[in-house]
Amino acid sequence: MARPREFDEQSVLRAAQDVFRRHGYGGATVSDLTEATGLGKSSLYGAYASKHGLYLAALDDYRDRNVEALRRDLDGDGAAITNLRSILLEVARASTGPLPSCLLNGAATELSDHDAMVGGRVTSTFCDLATLLADAVRTAQDQGDIDSEADADAVADALLAISRGIDVLGHGGMPRQRLERAVEAALTAFAA
């Protein structure tokens, strides 16, 4: 029978996410992770079996929180198009601020093509995000703000690609104003 964990798992996972977001999987050392999480090496390996096990747990937690946050933001009080705009503008703001880049983007670019466990999680998460966006697009179509003839799933995929691209471009140094203009151009392209 496994012993109960004697640490706050959410705090450990958030600290590990920060390390992985700043350094990537390959750049994060076990020393970085033990220092950030406050766990000793034996506790880290006892709880997660390996650096890879900790990475998967951190990625799962990050995915769950981000999918739920998107669901909550899309269900906000405003019109669907207003909520979509707010979400994309927030990505632009966050990507040009001091926060490290998205853990999902990092996982996709660093590991997905040669780590099936990570790749499966990334693909599944992006599909979940696209489904939520497609529901919001359909609502915006019903509200008359997005072209009713447009394929809602294709528009959602485009919005997901735009949000991921904004994150990368912002962290690459593109000014926020240009990213915000891209958001407005994208939404205008889909307008009714």
N, C-alpha and C. Protein backbone atom coordinates (compact mmCIF):
# COMPACT_ATOMS: atom_id res chain seq x y z
N MET A 1 0.85 -1.18 0.00
CA MET A 1 0.00 0.00 0.00
C MET A 1 0.89 1.24 0.00
N ALA A 2 0.58 2.18 -0.90
CA ALA A 2 1.37 3.40 -1.01
C ALA A 2 1.13 4.31 0.19
N ARG A 3 2.22 4.92 0.62
CA ARG A 3 2.10 5.89 1.72
C ARG A 3 1.49 7.18 1.20
N PRO A 4 0.69 7.85 2.05
CA PRO A 4 0.15 9.14 1.61
C PRO A 4 1.30 10.15 1.45
N ARG A 5 1.14 11.05 0.51
CA ARG A 5 2.17 12.06 0.28
C ARG A 5 2.19 13.04 1.43
N GLU A 6 3.39 13.38 1.83
CA GLU A 6 3.56 14.28 2.98
C GLU A 6 3.96 15.67 2.50
N PHE A 7 3.45 16.07 1.37
CA PHE A 7 3.73 17.41 0.84
C PHE A 7 2.50 17.87 0.08
N ASP A 8 2.43 19.17 -0.15
CA ASP A 8 1.31 19.75 -0.88
C ASP A 8 1.58 19.54 -2.37
N GLU A 9 0.90 18.57 -2.94
CA GLU A 9 1.17 18.18 -4.32
C GLU A 9 0.92 19.33 -5.30
N GLN A 10 -0.12 20.12 -5.07
CA GLN A 10 -0.38 21.24 -5.98
C GLN A 10 0.78 22.23 -5.98
N SER A 11 1.33 22.52 -4.83
CA SER A 11 2.47 23.43 -4.75
C SER A 11 3.69 22.86 -5.46
N VAL A 12 3.91 21.57 -5.30
CA VAL A 12 5.04 20.91 -5.96
C VAL A 12 4.85 20.95 -7.47
N LEU A 13 3.66 20.64 -7.94
CA LEU A 13 3.42 20.63 -9.39
C LEU A 13 3.53 22.02 -9.99
N ARG A 14 3.04 23.03 -9.28
CA ARG A 14 3.15 24.41 -9.79
C ARG A 14 4.61 24.85 -9.84
N ALA A 15 5.38 24.49 -8.82
CA ALA A 15 6.81 24.84 -8.82
C ALA A 15 7.53 24.12 -9.95
N ALA A 16 7.20 22.85 -10.17
CA ALA A 16 7.82 22.10 -11.27
C ALA A 16 7.42 22.68 -12.62
N GLN A 17 6.15 23.08 -12.76
CA GLN A 17 5.71 23.71 -14.01
C GLN A 17 6.53 24.95 -14.30
N ASP A 18 6.78 25.75 -13.29
CA ASP A 18 7.56 26.97 -13.48
C ASP A 18 8.97 26.64 -13.98
N VAL A 19 9.59 25.63 -13.39
CA VAL A 19 10.92 25.22 -13.82
C VAL A 19 10.89 24.73 -15.27
N PHE A 20 9.93 23.87 -15.59
CA PHE A 20 9.85 23.33 -16.95
C PHE A 20 9.49 24.42 -17.96
N ARG A 21 8.66 25.38 -17.57
CA ARG A 21 8.32 26.47 -18.48
C ARG A 21 9.53 27.36 -18.74
N ARG A 22 10.35 27.57 -17.75
CA ARG A 22 11.51 28.45 -17.91
C ARG A 22 12.67 27.77 -18.63
N HIS A 23 12.86 26.48 -18.37
CA HIS A 23 14.06 25.79 -18.88
C HIS A 23 13.76 24.72 -19.92
N GLY A 24 12.49 24.37 -20.12
CA GLY A 24 12.16 23.24 -20.97
C GLY A 24 12.45 21.95 -20.21
N TYR A 25 12.01 20.84 -20.80
CA TYR A 25 12.26 19.56 -20.14
C TYR A 25 13.75 19.24 -20.12
N GLY A 26 14.39 19.38 -21.26
CA GLY A 26 15.81 19.03 -21.35
C GLY A 26 16.70 19.92 -20.53
N GLY A 27 16.34 21.18 -20.39
CA GLY A 27 17.17 22.13 -19.65
C GLY A 27 16.96 22.10 -18.15
N ALA A 28 15.85 21.54 -17.70
CA ALA A 28 15.56 21.47 -16.26
C ALA A 28 16.36 20.34 -15.64
N THR A 29 17.11 20.66 -14.62
CA THR A 29 17.88 19.62 -13.93
C THR A 29 17.11 19.14 -12.71
N VAL A 30 17.47 17.97 -12.24
CA VAL A 30 16.86 17.46 -11.01
C VAL A 30 17.17 18.41 -9.86
N SER A 31 18.34 19.00 -9.88
CA SER A 31 18.70 19.98 -8.86
C SER A 31 17.77 21.20 -8.92
N ASP A 32 17.48 21.69 -10.13
CA ASP A 32 16.52 22.80 -10.28
C ASP A 32 15.17 22.42 -9.68
N LEU A 33 14.74 21.19 -9.96
CA LEU A 33 13.42 20.74 -9.51
C LEU A 33 13.36 20.54 -8.01
N THR A 34 14.40 19.97 -7.43
CA THR A 34 14.39 19.78 -5.97
C THR A 34 14.45 21.13 -5.26
N GLU A 35 15.23 22.05 -5.80
CA GLU A 35 15.31 23.39 -5.19
C GLU A 35 13.97 24.11 -5.26
N ALA A 36 13.32 24.06 -6.42
CA ALA A 36 12.06 24.77 -6.61
C ALA A 36 10.91 24.15 -5.83
N THR A 37 10.88 22.81 -5.77
CA THR A 37 9.75 22.13 -5.13
C THR A 37 9.94 21.95 -3.62
N GLY A 38 11.18 22.02 -3.17
CA GLY A 38 11.46 21.76 -1.77
C GLY A 38 11.52 20.29 -1.44
N LEU A 39 11.39 19.42 -2.42
CA LEU A 39 11.48 17.98 -2.22
C LEU A 39 12.93 17.54 -2.36
N GLY A 40 13.33 16.61 -1.55
CA GLY A 40 14.62 15.98 -1.75
C GLY A 40 14.55 15.05 -2.96
N LYS A 41 15.71 14.69 -3.47
CA LYS A 41 15.76 13.82 -4.64
C LYS A 41 15.02 12.51 -4.39
N SER A 42 15.22 11.92 -3.22
CA SER A 42 14.56 10.64 -2.93
C SER A 42 13.05 10.81 -2.83
N SER A 43 12.58 11.93 -2.29
CA SER A 43 11.13 12.18 -2.21
C SER A 43 10.55 12.39 -3.60
N LEU A 44 11.29 13.14 -4.43
CA LEU A 44 10.83 13.38 -5.79
C LEU A 44 10.70 12.06 -6.55
N TYR A 45 11.73 11.24 -6.46
CA TYR A 45 11.70 9.95 -7.17
C TYR A 45 10.70 9.00 -6.52
N GLY A 46 10.54 9.08 -5.21
CA GLY A 46 9.55 8.23 -4.55
C GLY A 46 8.13 8.57 -4.96
N ALA A 47 7.87 9.86 -5.18
CA ALA A 47 6.52 10.29 -5.54
C ALA A 47 6.23 10.17 -7.03
N TYR A 48 7.24 10.44 -7.87
CA TYR A 48 7.00 10.53 -9.31
C TYR A 48 7.84 9.57 -10.14
N ALA A 49 8.69 8.80 -9.51
CA ALA A 49 9.52 7.77 -10.14
C ALA A 49 10.69 8.32 -10.94
N SER A 50 10.52 9.50 -11.54
CA SER A 50 11.58 10.04 -12.39
C SER A 50 11.27 11.50 -12.69
N LYS A 51 12.22 12.16 -13.29
CA LYS A 51 11.99 13.52 -13.79
C LYS A 51 10.85 13.50 -14.82
N HIS A 52 10.84 12.47 -15.67
CA HIS A 52 9.79 12.34 -16.67
C HIS A 52 8.42 12.16 -16.01
N GLY A 53 8.36 11.38 -14.96
CA GLY A 53 7.11 11.18 -14.23
C GLY A 53 6.61 12.49 -13.64
N LEU A 54 7.52 13.29 -13.08
CA LEU A 54 7.14 14.60 -12.55
C LEU A 54 6.66 15.51 -13.69
N TYR A 55 7.34 15.46 -14.81
CA TYR A 55 6.95 16.27 -15.96
C TYR A 55 5.52 15.91 -16.42
N LEU A 56 5.24 14.63 -16.51
CA LEU A 56 3.89 14.21 -16.93
C LEU A 56 2.84 14.66 -15.93
N ALA A 57 3.13 14.54 -14.63
CA ALA A 57 2.18 14.99 -13.61
C ALA A 57 1.98 16.50 -13.69
N ALA A 58 3.07 17.23 -13.90
CA ALA A 58 2.98 18.68 -14.02
C ALA A 58 2.19 19.07 -15.27
N LEU A 59 2.43 18.37 -16.36
CA LEU A 59 1.72 18.64 -17.61
C LEU A 59 0.24 18.34 -17.47
N ASP A 60 -0.10 17.24 -16.80
CA ASP A 60 -1.51 16.89 -16.57
C ASP A 60 -2.22 17.97 -15.75
N ASP A 61 -1.57 18.42 -14.69
CA ASP A 61 -2.15 19.46 -13.84
C ASP A 61 -2.32 20.76 -14.63
N TYR A 62 -1.31 21.13 -15.39
CA TYR A 62 -1.35 22.34 -16.21
C TYR A 62 -2.49 22.26 -17.22
N ARG A 63 -2.62 21.11 -17.87
CA ARG A 63 -3.69 20.89 -18.84
C ARG A 63 -5.06 21.04 -18.18
N ASP A 64 -5.25 20.37 -17.06
CA ASP A 64 -6.55 20.40 -16.39
C ASP A 64 -6.94 21.82 -16.00
N ARG A 65 -5.99 22.56 -15.44
CA ARG A 65 -6.28 23.94 -15.02
C ARG A 65 -6.56 24.85 -16.21
N ASN A 66 -5.82 24.68 -17.30
CA ASN A 66 -6.00 25.55 -18.45
C ASN A 66 -7.27 25.24 -19.23
N VAL A 67 -7.63 23.99 -19.36
CA VAL A 67 -8.89 23.64 -20.02
C VAL A 67 -10.05 24.19 -19.20
N GLU A 68 -9.99 24.02 -17.89
CA GLU A 68 -11.07 24.53 -17.04
C GLU A 68 -11.12 26.06 -17.08
N ALA A 69 -9.97 26.72 -17.09
CA ALA A 69 -9.94 28.19 -17.16
C ALA A 69 -10.57 28.68 -18.47
N LEU A 70 -10.26 28.01 -19.57
CA LEU A 70 -10.86 28.41 -20.84
C LEU A 70 -12.37 28.20 -20.81
N ARG A 71 -12.80 27.08 -20.26
CA ARG A 71 -14.25 26.82 -20.16
C ARG A 71 -14.92 27.94 -19.36
N ARG A 72 -14.33 28.29 -18.24
CA ARG A 72 -14.88 29.33 -17.38
C ARG A 72 -14.90 30.69 -18.11
N ASP A 73 -13.80 31.02 -18.79
CA ASP A 73 -13.71 32.30 -19.48
C ASP A 73 -14.70 32.38 -20.64
N LEU A 74 -14.90 31.28 -21.34
CA LEU A 74 -15.85 31.28 -22.45
C LEU A 74 -17.29 31.34 -21.97
N ASP A 75 -17.53 30.89 -20.75
CA ASP A 75 -18.87 30.93 -20.17
C ASP A 75 -19.12 32.24 -19.43
N GLY A 76 -18.26 33.22 -19.64
CA GLY A 76 -18.39 34.51 -18.95
C GLY A 76 -19.68 35.22 -19.30
N ASP A 77 -19.87 36.38 -18.71
CA ASP A 77 -21.12 37.12 -18.85
C ASP A 77 -21.29 37.80 -20.20
N GLY A 78 -20.21 38.10 -20.89
CA GLY A 78 -20.31 38.83 -22.15
C GLY A 78 -20.80 37.98 -23.29
N ALA A 79 -20.94 38.65 -24.44
CA ALA A 79 -21.27 37.94 -25.67
C ALA A 79 -20.11 37.01 -25.99
N ALA A 80 -20.38 35.96 -26.72
CA ALA A 80 -19.35 34.97 -27.03
C ALA A 80 -18.15 35.60 -27.72
N ILE A 81 -18.39 36.52 -28.67
CA ILE A 81 -17.29 37.16 -29.38
C ILE A 81 -16.45 38.01 -28.43
N THR A 82 -17.09 38.64 -27.46
CA THR A 82 -16.37 39.44 -26.46
C THR A 82 -15.49 38.54 -25.62
N ASN A 83 -16.00 37.39 -25.24
CA ASN A 83 -15.20 36.44 -24.45
C ASN A 83 -14.02 35.90 -25.26
N LEU A 84 -14.25 35.59 -26.53
CA LEU A 84 -13.16 35.13 -27.39
C LEU A 84 -12.09 36.21 -27.53
N ARG A 85 -12.51 37.43 -27.76
CA ARG A 85 -11.57 38.55 -27.89
C ARG A 85 -10.77 38.71 -26.59
N SER A 86 -11.44 38.67 -25.47
CA SER A 86 -10.76 38.84 -24.17
C SER A 86 -9.72 37.75 -23.95
N ILE A 87 -10.04 36.54 -24.31
CA ILE A 87 -9.11 35.42 -24.13
C ILE A 87 -7.86 35.62 -25.00
N LEU A 88 -8.07 35.97 -26.26
CA LEU A 88 -6.93 36.17 -27.16
C LEU A 88 -6.08 37.37 -26.75
N LEU A 89 -6.74 38.43 -26.31
CA LEU A 89 -5.97 39.60 -25.84
C LEU A 89 -5.20 39.28 -24.57
N GLU A 90 -5.75 38.43 -23.73
CA GLU A 90 -5.02 38.01 -22.52
C GLU A 90 -3.79 37.19 -22.88
N VAL A 91 -3.87 36.35 -23.90
CA VAL A 91 -2.70 35.61 -24.36
C VAL A 91 -1.63 36.60 -24.83
N ALA A 92 -2.05 37.63 -25.57
CA ALA A 92 -1.09 38.65 -26.03
C ALA A 92 -0.45 39.36 -24.85
N ARG A 93 -1.25 39.71 -23.86
CA ARG A 93 -0.73 40.40 -22.68
C ARG A 93 0.25 39.51 -21.92
N ALA A 94 -0.16 38.28 -21.67
CA ALA A 94 0.68 37.37 -20.88
C ALA A 94 1.99 37.04 -21.60
N SER A 95 1.92 36.91 -22.92
CA SER A 95 3.11 36.50 -23.66
C SER A 95 4.15 37.61 -23.77
N THR A 96 3.73 38.85 -23.52
CA THR A 96 4.68 39.96 -23.56
C THR A 96 5.05 40.44 -22.16
N GLY A 97 4.61 39.70 -21.16
CA GLY A 97 4.94 40.03 -19.78
C GLY A 97 6.05 39.15 -19.25
N PRO A 98 6.23 39.15 -17.95
CA PRO A 98 7.35 38.41 -17.35
C PRO A 98 7.13 36.91 -17.19
N LEU A 99 5.91 36.43 -17.43
CA LEU A 99 5.65 35.00 -17.25
C LEU A 99 6.39 34.17 -18.29
N PRO A 100 6.85 32.98 -17.91
CA PRO A 100 7.48 32.10 -18.91
C PRO A 100 6.43 31.58 -19.89
N SER A 101 6.89 31.03 -21.00
CA SER A 101 5.95 30.61 -22.04
C SER A 101 5.12 29.41 -21.60
N CYS A 102 4.13 29.12 -22.40
CA CYS A 102 3.15 28.07 -22.13
C CYS A 102 3.81 26.69 -22.07
N LEU A 103 3.49 25.94 -21.04
CA LEU A 103 4.04 24.59 -20.89
C LEU A 103 3.58 23.69 -22.03
N LEU A 104 2.35 23.86 -22.50
CA LEU A 104 1.86 23.04 -23.62
C LEU A 104 2.63 23.33 -24.89
N ASN A 105 2.87 24.62 -25.18
CA ASN A 105 3.67 24.95 -26.36
C ASN A 105 5.06 24.35 -26.25
N GLY A 106 5.66 24.46 -25.07
CA GLY A 106 6.98 23.88 -24.87
C GLY A 106 6.99 22.38 -25.06
N ALA A 107 5.98 21.71 -24.51
CA ALA A 107 5.88 20.26 -24.66
C ALA A 107 5.70 19.87 -26.12
N ALA A 108 4.88 20.65 -26.83
CA ALA A 108 4.62 20.35 -28.24
C ALA A 108 5.89 20.47 -29.07
N THR A 109 6.65 21.53 -28.84
CA THR A 109 7.82 21.76 -29.68
C THR A 109 9.03 20.95 -29.26
N GLU A 110 9.16 20.69 -27.97
CA GLU A 110 10.37 19.99 -27.50
C GLU A 110 10.23 18.47 -27.51
N LEU A 111 9.05 17.96 -27.18
CA LEU A 111 8.95 16.53 -26.90
C LEU A 111 7.93 15.74 -27.73
N SER A 112 6.90 16.40 -28.24
CA SER A 112 5.78 15.66 -28.84
C SER A 112 6.17 14.70 -29.96
N ASP A 113 7.13 15.09 -30.77
CA ASP A 113 7.45 14.24 -31.91
C ASP A 113 8.26 13.00 -31.56
N HIS A 114 8.82 12.91 -30.36
CA HIS A 114 9.59 11.72 -30.00
C HIS A 114 9.24 11.14 -28.63
N ASP A 115 8.22 11.67 -27.97
CA ASP A 115 7.77 11.15 -26.68
C ASP A 115 6.25 10.94 -26.78
N ALA A 116 5.85 9.71 -27.00
CA ALA A 116 4.43 9.42 -27.25
C ALA A 116 3.54 9.81 -26.07
N MET A 117 4.04 9.67 -24.85
CA MET A 117 3.23 10.01 -23.69
C MET A 117 2.96 11.52 -23.64
N VAL A 118 3.96 12.31 -23.92
CA VAL A 118 3.79 13.76 -23.97
C VAL A 118 2.96 14.13 -25.19
N GLY A 119 3.29 13.57 -26.34
CA GLY A 119 2.57 13.88 -27.57
C GLY A 119 1.08 13.61 -27.45
N GLY A 120 0.72 12.50 -26.84
CA GLY A 120 -0.69 12.17 -26.66
C GLY A 120 -1.40 13.18 -25.77
N ARG A 121 -0.73 13.60 -24.72
CA ARG A 121 -1.32 14.60 -23.82
C ARG A 121 -1.49 15.94 -24.52
N VAL A 122 -0.49 16.34 -25.27
CA VAL A 122 -0.56 17.62 -25.97
C VAL A 122 -1.69 17.59 -27.00
N THR A 123 -1.75 16.56 -27.81
CA THR A 123 -2.80 16.44 -28.82
C THR A 123 -4.18 16.45 -28.18
N SER A 124 -4.34 15.68 -27.13
CA SER A 124 -5.62 15.62 -26.43
C SER A 124 -6.02 16.98 -25.87
N THR A 125 -5.07 17.69 -25.31
CA THR A 125 -5.36 19.00 -24.74
C THR A 125 -5.75 19.98 -25.82
N PHE A 126 -5.00 20.02 -26.92
CA PHE A 126 -5.34 20.93 -28.00
C PHE A 126 -6.72 20.60 -28.57
N CYS A 127 -7.07 19.32 -28.65
CA CYS A 127 -8.41 18.93 -29.11
C CYS A 127 -9.48 19.41 -28.15
N ASP A 128 -9.24 19.28 -26.84
CA ASP A 128 -10.19 19.78 -25.84
C ASP A 128 -10.38 21.29 -25.95
N LEU A 129 -9.27 22.01 -26.13
CA LEU A 129 -9.35 23.47 -26.26
C LEU A 129 -10.12 23.85 -27.53
N ALA A 130 -9.85 23.15 -28.62
CA ALA A 130 -10.55 23.43 -29.88
C ALA A 130 -12.04 23.16 -29.77
N THR A 131 -12.42 22.11 -29.05
CA THR A 131 -13.84 21.81 -28.85
C THR A 131 -14.54 22.94 -28.09
N LEU A 132 -13.89 23.44 -27.05
CA LEU A 132 -14.47 24.56 -26.29
C LEU A 132 -14.59 25.80 -27.17
N LEU A 133 -13.55 26.06 -27.94
CA LEU A 133 -13.59 27.22 -28.84
C LEU A 133 -14.68 27.06 -29.90
N ALA A 134 -14.86 25.86 -30.44
CA ALA A 134 -15.90 25.63 -31.45
C ALA A 134 -17.28 25.88 -30.87
N ASP A 135 -17.51 25.48 -29.63
CA ASP A 135 -18.80 25.76 -28.99
C ASP A 135 -19.03 27.27 -28.88
N ALA A 136 -17.97 28.00 -28.52
CA ALA A 136 -18.09 29.46 -28.41
C ALA A 136 -18.31 30.09 -29.78
N VAL A 137 -17.66 29.57 -30.80
CA VAL A 137 -17.85 30.08 -32.16
C VAL A 137 -19.30 29.87 -32.59
N ARG A 138 -19.85 28.70 -32.31
CA ARG A 138 -21.26 28.43 -32.66
C ARG A 138 -22.19 29.41 -31.94
N THR A 139 -21.89 29.68 -30.68
CA THR A 139 -22.70 30.65 -29.94
C THR A 139 -22.57 32.03 -30.57
N ALA A 140 -21.35 32.42 -30.95
CA ALA A 140 -21.13 33.72 -31.60
C ALA A 140 -21.85 33.77 -32.95
N GLN A 141 -21.92 32.65 -33.64
CA GLN A 141 -22.68 32.59 -34.90
C GLN A 141 -24.17 32.80 -34.61
N ASP A 142 -24.67 32.13 -33.58
CA ASP A 142 -26.09 32.29 -33.21
C ASP A 142 -26.39 33.73 -32.80
N GLN A 143 -25.40 34.40 -32.22
CA GLN A 143 -25.57 35.78 -31.77
C GLN A 143 -25.33 36.79 -32.89
N GLY A 144 -24.97 36.29 -34.08
CA GLY A 144 -24.78 37.16 -35.23
C GLY A 144 -23.43 37.84 -35.33
N ASP A 145 -22.45 37.40 -34.56
CA ASP A 145 -21.15 38.06 -34.55
C ASP A 145 -20.09 37.37 -35.41
N ILE A 146 -20.29 36.09 -35.72
CA ILE A 146 -19.38 35.36 -36.61
C ILE A 146 -20.23 34.82 -37.75
N ASP A 147 -19.68 34.88 -38.94
CA ASP A 147 -20.36 34.44 -40.16
C ASP A 147 -21.01 33.07 -39.94
N SER A 148 -22.31 33.01 -40.11
CA SER A 148 -23.05 31.77 -39.87
C SER A 148 -22.72 30.69 -40.89
N GLU A 149 -22.16 31.08 -42.03
CA GLU A 149 -21.78 30.11 -43.07
C GLU A 149 -20.40 29.49 -42.80
N ALA A 150 -19.65 30.07 -41.89
CA ALA A 150 -18.30 29.57 -41.60
C ALA A 150 -18.37 28.23 -40.87
N ASP A 151 -17.40 27.38 -41.14
CA ASP A 151 -17.28 26.10 -40.45
C ASP A 151 -16.76 26.38 -39.03
N ALA A 152 -17.60 26.18 -38.03
CA ALA A 152 -17.25 26.52 -36.65
C ALA A 152 -16.00 25.78 -36.17
N ASP A 153 -15.86 24.53 -36.57
CA ASP A 153 -14.67 23.77 -36.14
C ASP A 153 -13.40 24.34 -36.77
N ALA A 154 -13.49 24.74 -38.04
CA ALA A 154 -12.33 25.33 -38.72
C ALA A 154 -11.98 26.68 -38.11
N VAL A 155 -12.98 27.48 -37.78
CA VAL A 155 -12.72 28.77 -37.14
C VAL A 155 -12.07 28.54 -35.78
N ALA A 156 -12.57 27.56 -35.03
CA ALA A 156 -11.99 27.25 -33.72
C ALA A 156 -10.54 26.81 -33.85
N ASP A 157 -10.26 25.97 -34.85
CA ASP A 157 -8.87 25.55 -35.08
C ASP A 157 -7.99 26.74 -35.41
N ALA A 158 -8.52 27.66 -36.22
CA ALA A 158 -7.75 28.87 -36.56
C ALA A 158 -7.50 29.72 -35.32
N LEU A 159 -8.51 29.88 -34.48
CA LEU A 159 -8.34 30.67 -33.25
C LEU A 159 -7.34 30.01 -32.31
N LEU A 160 -7.36 28.69 -32.24
CA LEU A 160 -6.38 27.98 -31.41
C LEU A 160 -4.97 28.20 -31.97
N ALA A 161 -4.83 28.09 -33.28
CA ALA A 161 -3.52 28.31 -33.90
C ALA A 161 -3.05 29.74 -33.67
N ILE A 162 -3.96 30.68 -33.76
CA ILE A 162 -3.62 32.09 -33.53
C ILE A 162 -3.18 32.28 -32.08
N SER A 163 -3.89 31.70 -31.13
CA SER A 163 -3.52 31.88 -29.72
C SER A 163 -2.16 31.26 -29.42
N ARG A 164 -1.89 30.09 -29.98
CA ARG A 164 -0.57 29.45 -29.78
C ARG A 164 0.53 30.27 -30.44
N GLY A 165 0.23 30.78 -31.64
CA GLY A 165 1.21 31.62 -32.33
C GLY A 165 1.48 32.92 -31.59
N ILE A 166 0.44 33.51 -31.05
CA ILE A 166 0.61 34.74 -30.27
C ILE A 166 1.53 34.49 -29.09
N ASP A 167 1.34 33.36 -28.41
CA ASP A 167 2.19 33.04 -27.27
C ASP A 167 3.66 32.96 -27.70
N VAL A 168 3.92 32.27 -28.77
CA VAL A 168 5.29 32.11 -29.25
C VAL A 168 5.86 33.45 -29.69
N LEU A 169 5.11 34.20 -30.48
CA LEU A 169 5.60 35.49 -30.98
C LEU A 169 5.85 36.47 -29.84
N GLY A 170 4.94 36.50 -28.87
CA GLY A 170 5.13 37.40 -27.73
C GLY A 170 6.38 37.08 -26.95
N HIS A 171 6.60 35.81 -26.68
CA HIS A 171 7.81 35.41 -25.96
C HIS A 171 9.05 35.62 -26.81
N GLY A 172 8.86 35.67 -28.13
CA GLY A 172 9.98 35.93 -29.04
C GLY A 172 10.29 37.41 -29.18
N GLY A 173 9.51 38.26 -28.53
CA GLY A 173 9.82 39.69 -28.52
C GLY A 173 8.91 40.57 -29.35
N MET A 174 7.91 40.02 -30.01
CA MET A 174 7.00 40.87 -30.78
C MET A 174 6.22 41.77 -29.83
N PRO A 175 6.10 43.04 -30.14
CA PRO A 175 5.38 43.96 -29.24
C PRO A 175 3.90 43.59 -29.09
N ARG A 176 3.39 43.85 -27.93
CA ARG A 176 1.99 43.52 -27.62
C ARG A 176 1.03 44.19 -28.60
N GLN A 177 1.30 45.42 -28.98
CA GLN A 177 0.41 46.14 -29.89
C GLN A 177 0.23 45.37 -31.20
N ARG A 178 1.29 44.81 -31.72
CA ARG A 178 1.18 44.04 -32.97
C ARG A 178 0.37 42.76 -32.75
N LEU A 179 0.55 42.13 -31.61
CA LEU A 179 -0.22 40.91 -31.30
C LEU A 179 -1.70 41.24 -31.15
N GLU A 180 -1.99 42.36 -30.51
CA GLU A 180 -3.39 42.77 -30.35
C GLU A 180 -4.02 43.10 -31.70
N ARG A 181 -3.25 43.70 -32.59
CA ARG A 181 -3.75 43.95 -33.95
C ARG A 181 -4.05 42.64 -34.67
N ALA A 182 -3.20 41.63 -34.45
CA ALA A 182 -3.44 40.32 -35.07
C ALA A 182 -4.74 39.72 -34.56
N VAL A 183 -5.00 39.86 -33.26
CA VAL A 183 -6.26 39.37 -32.69
C VAL A 183 -7.45 40.04 -33.38
N GLU A 184 -7.40 41.35 -33.49
CA GLU A 184 -8.52 42.08 -34.10
C GLU A 184 -8.69 41.70 -35.58
N ALA A 185 -7.57 41.53 -36.27
CA ALA A 185 -7.65 41.13 -37.68
C ALA A 185 -8.28 39.75 -37.83
N ALA A 186 -7.91 38.84 -36.97
CA ALA A 186 -8.47 37.48 -37.03
C ALA A 186 -9.97 37.50 -36.76
N LEU A 187 -10.39 38.22 -35.74
CA LEU A 187 -11.81 38.26 -35.42
C LEU A 187 -12.60 38.98 -36.51
N THR A 188 -12.01 39.99 -37.09
CA THR A 188 -12.67 40.69 -38.20
C THR A 188 -12.85 39.77 -39.40
N ALA A 189 -11.86 38.94 -39.64
CA ALA A 189 -11.92 38.01 -40.79
C ALA A 189 -13.08 37.03 -40.65
N PHE A 190 -13.46 36.71 -39.42
CA PHE A 190 -14.54 35.74 -39.19
C PHE A 190 -15.89 36.42 -38.92
N ALA A 191 -15.91 37.74 -38.91
CA ALA A 191 -17.13 38.46 -38.53
C ALA A 191 -18.26 38.23 -39.53
N ALA A 192 -19.46 38.36 -38.99
CA ALA A 192 -20.67 38.22 -39.83
C ALA A 192 -20.80 39.40 -40.74
